[in-house]
């Protein structure tokens, strides 16, 4: 397993390769997945933090919907991308450069969310990072956590082949089963409100991960990709997607 310093360096290299990324106004395919969980959520005046924000587009949209947003990431390169795009959309925000495990935002936020973050750690950090989500939320507040699905064939095979060919760019990554994620959020003091799987159709692309992960242009395209609504219906929140989609998401409430 990588050290924290190695992990930060790996992600900085990745974000540096897409440093000129400009998000679309409507977000990306991931925002459509977020909408499954948050379509009835009133962001007005809510304090929101994204842990391990990456390029930050989902929180930028939340800010445009009225939230008071904070971005946290260990990589300054990521925060630079976020700030550039936030300013393009007229969004004011707080930016924190730091390690999630050093973060002490005790009970400050109404909504804490992360996507593609908690799966990068093994025990004991695997539970601790979920606990940090819980500690940052006010009682009755919500967390949205999205992780890669260990039951997705395309993702599992594509990741294996990418590691074998030396083209895997995401550092150490240990996907979740729904059962494990459910156990860990319950242990952290959450009550699950909604579950959904996503990226079922697009998971087929992952069989070709050794090829596309070597291209920064593909990375930029994927970060800006917005599928049509018809494809979105096929891609998420149905029986098959919930079982073998590339990602699993849970919206949970702090007890």
Protein backbone atom coordinates (compact mmCIF):
# COMPACT_ATOMS: atom_id res chain seq x y z
CA UNK A 1 0.00 0.00 0.00
CA UNK A 2 1.25 3.50 -0.86
CA UNK A 3 2.26 5.96 1.82
CA UNK A 4 0.16 9.13 2.08
CA UNK A 5 2.95 11.10 0.41
CA UNK A 6 3.13 8.65 -2.51
CA UNK A 7 -0.65 8.72 -2.79
CA UNK A 8 -0.70 12.53 -2.92
CA UNK A 9 2.05 12.57 -5.56
CA UNK A 10 0.20 10.03 -7.72
CA UNK A 11 -2.98 12.10 -7.71
CA UNK A 12 -1.12 15.33 -8.36
CA UNK A 13 0.38 13.72 -11.47
CA UNK A 14 -3.09 12.73 -12.64
CA UNK A 15 -4.63 16.16 -12.06
CA UNK A 16 -1.64 17.85 -13.67
CA UNK A 17 -2.34 15.84 -16.85
CA UNK A 18 -5.82 17.42 -17.05
CA UNK A 19 -4.94 20.84 -15.62
CA UNK A 20 -6.64 22.68 -18.49
CA UNK A 21 -9.97 20.89 -17.87
CA UNK A 22 -13.01 23.14 -18.27
CA UNK A 23 -16.26 21.68 -16.96
CA UNK A 24 -19.54 21.97 -18.79
CA UNK A 25 -22.30 23.98 -17.19
CA UNK A 26 -24.48 20.89 -16.78
CA UNK A 27 -21.72 18.95 -15.04
CA UNK A 28 -20.94 15.38 -16.03
CA UNK A 29 -22.32 11.85 -15.96
CA UNK A 30 -21.48 11.68 -12.26
CA UNK A 31 -23.75 14.63 -11.52
CA UNK A 32 -26.64 12.71 -13.11
CA UNK A 33 -25.91 9.95 -10.60
CA UNK A 34 -25.82 12.50 -7.77
CA UNK A 35 -29.26 13.72 -8.89
CA UNK A 36 -30.69 10.26 -8.23
CA UNK A 37 -30.00 10.82 -4.56
CA UNK A 38 -30.38 14.58 -4.19
CA UNK A 39 -33.17 15.58 -6.59
CA UNK A 40 -35.40 16.59 -3.65
CA UNK A 41 -32.63 18.14 -1.56
CA UNK A 42 -32.83 21.90 -0.90
CA UNK A 43 -29.27 23.23 -1.10
CA UNK A 44 -30.21 26.79 -0.15
CA UNK A 45 -28.01 27.92 2.73
CA UNK A 46 -26.70 24.41 3.39
CA UNK A 47 -23.08 23.91 4.42
CA UNK A 48 -21.53 21.28 2.14
CA UNK A 49 -18.05 19.78 2.03
CA UNK A 50 -16.56 17.46 -0.58
CA UNK A 51 -13.82 15.25 0.86
CA UNK A 52 -11.18 14.46 -1.74
CA UNK A 53 -12.80 16.84 -4.19
CA UNK A 54 -10.75 16.07 -7.31
CA UNK A 55 -12.03 18.39 -10.03
CA UNK A 56 -14.99 19.42 -7.89
CA UNK A 57 -17.75 19.78 -10.48
CA UNK A 58 -20.47 18.22 -8.31
CA UNK A 59 -19.88 20.69 -5.48
CA UNK A 60 -19.67 23.57 -7.95
CA UNK A 61 -23.19 22.68 -9.10
CA UNK A 62 -24.34 22.48 -5.46
CA UNK A 63 -22.94 25.97 -4.89
CA UNK A 64 -24.86 27.24 -7.91
CA UNK A 65 -27.99 25.73 -6.33
CA UNK A 66 -27.42 27.79 -3.18
CA UNK A 67 -25.03 25.79 -0.99
CA UNK A 68 -22.09 27.17 0.98
CA UNK A 69 -19.37 24.87 -0.31
CA UNK A 70 -15.96 23.75 0.97
CA UNK A 71 -13.48 21.74 -1.10
CA UNK A 72 -10.84 19.57 0.58
CA UNK A 73 -8.08 17.73 -1.26
CA UNK A 74 -4.52 16.65 -0.56
CA UNK A 75 -3.48 17.81 -4.05
CA UNK A 76 -2.95 21.49 -4.80
CA UNK A 77 -3.25 20.63 -8.50
CA UNK A 78 -6.82 19.43 -7.89
CA UNK A 79 -7.71 22.57 -5.95
CA UNK A 80 -6.27 24.73 -8.74
CA UNK A 81 -8.61 23.03 -11.25
CA UNK A 82 -11.55 23.46 -8.88
CA UNK A 83 -10.84 27.14 -8.23
CA UNK A 84 -10.44 27.90 -11.95
CA UNK A 85 -13.77 26.29 -12.80
CA UNK A 86 -15.56 27.71 -9.77
CA UNK A 87 -14.48 31.22 -10.75
CA UNK A 88 -15.68 30.61 -14.32
CA UNK A 89 -19.15 29.92 -12.92
CA UNK A 90 -19.06 32.77 -10.40
CA UNK A 91 -18.88 30.42 -7.41
CA UNK A 92 -17.31 31.49 -4.12
CA UNK A 93 -16.01 28.68 -1.91
CA UNK A 94 -13.57 27.67 0.79
CA UNK A 95 -10.53 25.64 -0.27
CA UNK A 96 -8.62 23.41 2.14
CA UNK A 97 -5.39 21.69 1.12
CA UNK A 98 -4.85 18.82 3.49
CA UNK A 99 -5.03 15.16 4.33
CA UNK A 100 -8.54 13.89 5.07
CA UNK A 101 -7.18 12.04 8.09
CA UNK A 102 -6.01 15.34 9.59
CA UNK A 103 -9.35 17.03 8.98
CA UNK A 104 -11.30 18.13 12.05
CA UNK A 105 -14.54 19.67 10.88
CA UNK A 106 -16.61 18.32 13.74
CA UNK A 107 -20.38 18.62 13.17
CA UNK A 108 -20.08 21.65 10.90
CA UNK A 109 -21.83 20.46 7.76
CA UNK A 110 -25.32 19.64 6.55
CA UNK A 111 -24.03 17.45 3.71
CA UNK A 112 -20.70 15.64 3.33
CA UNK A 113 -19.99 13.80 0.12
CA UNK A 114 -17.18 11.93 -1.62
CA UNK A 115 -16.83 10.01 -4.85
CA UNK A 116 -13.88 7.77 -5.62
CA UNK A 117 -12.16 8.38 -2.28
CA UNK A 118 -12.82 5.88 0.50
CA UNK A 119 -11.84 2.84 -1.59
CA UNK A 120 -8.19 3.87 -1.61
CA UNK A 121 -7.61 2.65 1.94
CA UNK A 122 -7.33 -0.63 3.82
CA UNK A 123 -8.16 -1.26 7.51
CA UNK A 124 -7.94 0.46 9.91
CA UNK A 125 -8.14 3.54 7.69
CA UNK A 126 -10.99 1.97 5.73
CA UNK A 127 -13.40 2.45 8.63
CA UNK A 128 -11.77 5.61 9.89
CA UNK A 129 -12.40 7.51 6.67
CA UNK A 130 -16.12 6.69 6.86
CA UNK A 131 -16.08 7.85 10.48
CA UNK A 132 -14.56 11.17 9.37
CA UNK A 133 -17.56 11.70 7.08
CA UNK A 134 -19.85 11.13 10.07
CA UNK A 135 -17.86 13.36 12.43
CA UNK A 136 -18.11 16.30 10.02
CA UNK A 137 -21.93 16.19 9.82
CA UNK A 138 -24.46 17.82 12.10
CA UNK A 139 -26.92 15.43 13.72
CA UNK A 140 -29.63 14.71 11.16
CA UNK A 141 -27.30 15.76 8.32
CA UNK A 142 -26.59 13.61 5.31
CA UNK A 143 -23.65 11.88 3.66
CA UNK A 144 -23.43 10.71 0.06
CA UNK A 145 -20.64 8.21 -0.54
CA UNK A 146 -19.91 6.67 -3.95
CA UNK A 147 -17.45 3.80 -4.45
CA UNK A 148 -16.43 1.33 -7.19
CA UNK A 149 -18.33 -1.94 -7.10
CA UNK A 150 -16.39 -5.14 -6.51
CA UNK A 151 -19.13 -7.10 -8.33
CA UNK A 152 -18.72 -5.24 -11.66
CA UNK A 153 -17.00 -7.55 -14.20
CA UNK A 154 -15.83 -4.82 -16.57
CA UNK A 155 -14.26 -2.74 -13.83
CA UNK A 156 -12.60 -5.69 -12.05
CA UNK A 157 -11.11 -7.14 -15.26
CA UNK A 158 -10.13 -3.74 -16.65
CA UNK A 159 -8.40 -2.79 -13.41
CA UNK A 160 -6.54 -6.12 -13.32
CA UNK A 161 -5.33 -5.76 -16.92
CA UNK A 162 -4.37 -2.11 -16.38
CA UNK A 163 -2.26 -3.04 -13.38
CA UNK A 164 -0.60 -5.81 -15.39
CA UNK A 165 0.25 -3.45 -18.25
CA UNK A 166 1.34 -0.60 -15.96
CA UNK A 167 -1.43 1.73 -17.16
CA UNK A 168 -3.45 2.00 -13.93
CA UNK A 169 -3.42 5.68 -12.88
CA UNK A 170 -5.56 5.71 -9.73
CA UNK A 171 -3.08 4.40 -7.17
CA UNK A 172 -4.09 1.78 -4.62
CA UNK A 173 -7.78 1.02 -5.01
CA UNK A 174 -9.81 -1.61 -3.17
CA UNK A 175 -13.45 -1.72 -4.36
CA UNK A 176 -16.42 -2.31 -2.08
CA UNK A 177 -19.29 -4.72 -1.97
CA UNK A 178 -22.62 -3.23 -0.94
CA UNK A 179 -22.53 -5.44 2.15
CA UNK A 180 -19.20 -4.01 3.32
CA UNK A 181 -20.20 -0.41 2.69
CA UNK A 182 -23.50 -0.95 4.50
CA UNK A 183 -21.68 -2.44 7.49
CA UNK A 184 -19.20 0.41 7.66
CA UNK A 185 -21.72 3.25 7.39
CA UNK A 186 -23.84 1.63 10.10
CA UNK A 187 -20.79 1.35 12.36
CA UNK A 188 -20.09 5.06 11.75
CA UNK A 189 -23.54 5.98 13.09
CA UNK A 190 -25.45 6.38 9.85
CA UNK A 191 -28.88 5.19 8.84
CA UNK A 192 -29.02 4.41 5.12
CA UNK A 193 -31.76 6.23 3.23
CA UNK A 194 -31.18 5.25 -0.40
CA UNK A 195 -28.93 2.88 -2.36
CA UNK A 196 -28.26 2.87 -6.09
CA UNK A 197 -25.88 1.35 -8.58
CA UNK A 198 -24.66 3.24 -11.61
CA UNK A 199 -22.53 3.14 -14.76
CA UNK A 200 -23.94 -0.23 -15.81
CA UNK A 201 -23.82 0.36 -19.59
CA UNK A 202 -20.62 2.40 -19.52
CA UNK A 203 -18.91 -0.23 -17.35
CA UNK A 204 -18.35 -2.21 -20.57
CA UNK A 205 -15.77 0.41 -21.56
CA UNK A 206 -13.63 -0.69 -18.62
CA UNK A 207 -12.67 -3.89 -20.41
CA UNK A 208 -10.51 -1.55 -22.53
CA UNK A 209 -9.06 0.34 -19.56
CA UNK A 210 -5.41 -0.54 -20.40
CA UNK A 211 -5.84 1.44 -23.62
CA UNK A 212 -7.86 4.47 -22.57
CA UNK A 213 -6.20 5.12 -19.22
CA UNK A 214 -2.96 5.98 -21.00
CA UNK A 215 -4.62 8.98 -22.69
CA UNK A 216 -5.05 12.30 -20.86
CA UNK A 217 -7.40 13.38 -23.66
CA UNK A 218 -9.68 10.46 -22.86
CA UNK A 219 -9.52 11.42 -19.18
CA UNK A 220 -10.68 14.95 -19.98
CA UNK A 221 -13.46 13.66 -22.21
CA UNK A 222 -14.67 11.25 -19.55
CA UNK A 223 -14.67 13.96 -16.87
CA UNK A 224 -16.85 16.12 -19.14
CA UNK A 225 -19.05 13.34 -20.56
CA UNK A 226 -22.80 13.89 -20.17
CA UNK A 227 -24.94 10.98 -21.46
CA UNK A 228 -28.46 11.49 -22.75
CA UNK A 229 -31.37 10.93 -20.40
CA UNK A 230 -32.34 7.69 -22.17
CA UNK A 231 -28.87 6.25 -21.65
CA UNK A 232 -28.91 7.45 -18.04
CA UNK A 233 -32.04 5.40 -17.39
CA UNK A 234 -30.24 2.31 -18.69
CA UNK A 235 -27.10 3.18 -16.76
CA UNK A 236 -28.31 3.53 -13.17
CA UNK A 237 -30.81 2.69 -10.45
CA UNK A 238 -32.37 -0.48 -11.76
CA UNK A 239 -32.07 -4.12 -10.76
CA UNK A 240 -29.04 -4.99 -12.88
CA UNK A 241 -27.19 -1.69 -12.37
CA UNK A 242 -27.69 -1.99 -8.63
CA UNK A 243 -26.02 -5.39 -8.71
CA UNK A 244 -23.19 -5.10 -11.26
CA UNK A 245 -22.88 -1.41 -12.19
CA UNK A 246 -19.38 0.03 -11.88
CA UNK A 247 -20.32 2.18 -8.90
CA UNK A 248 -22.43 1.92 -5.75
CA UNK A 249 -23.80 4.97 -3.98
CA UNK A 250 -25.49 5.42 -0.62
CA UNK A 251 -27.28 8.43 0.83
CA UNK A 252 -27.25 8.15 4.61
CA UNK A 253 -28.45 10.23 7.57
CA UNK A 254 -26.47 10.76 10.77
CA UNK A 255 -28.45 9.48 13.72
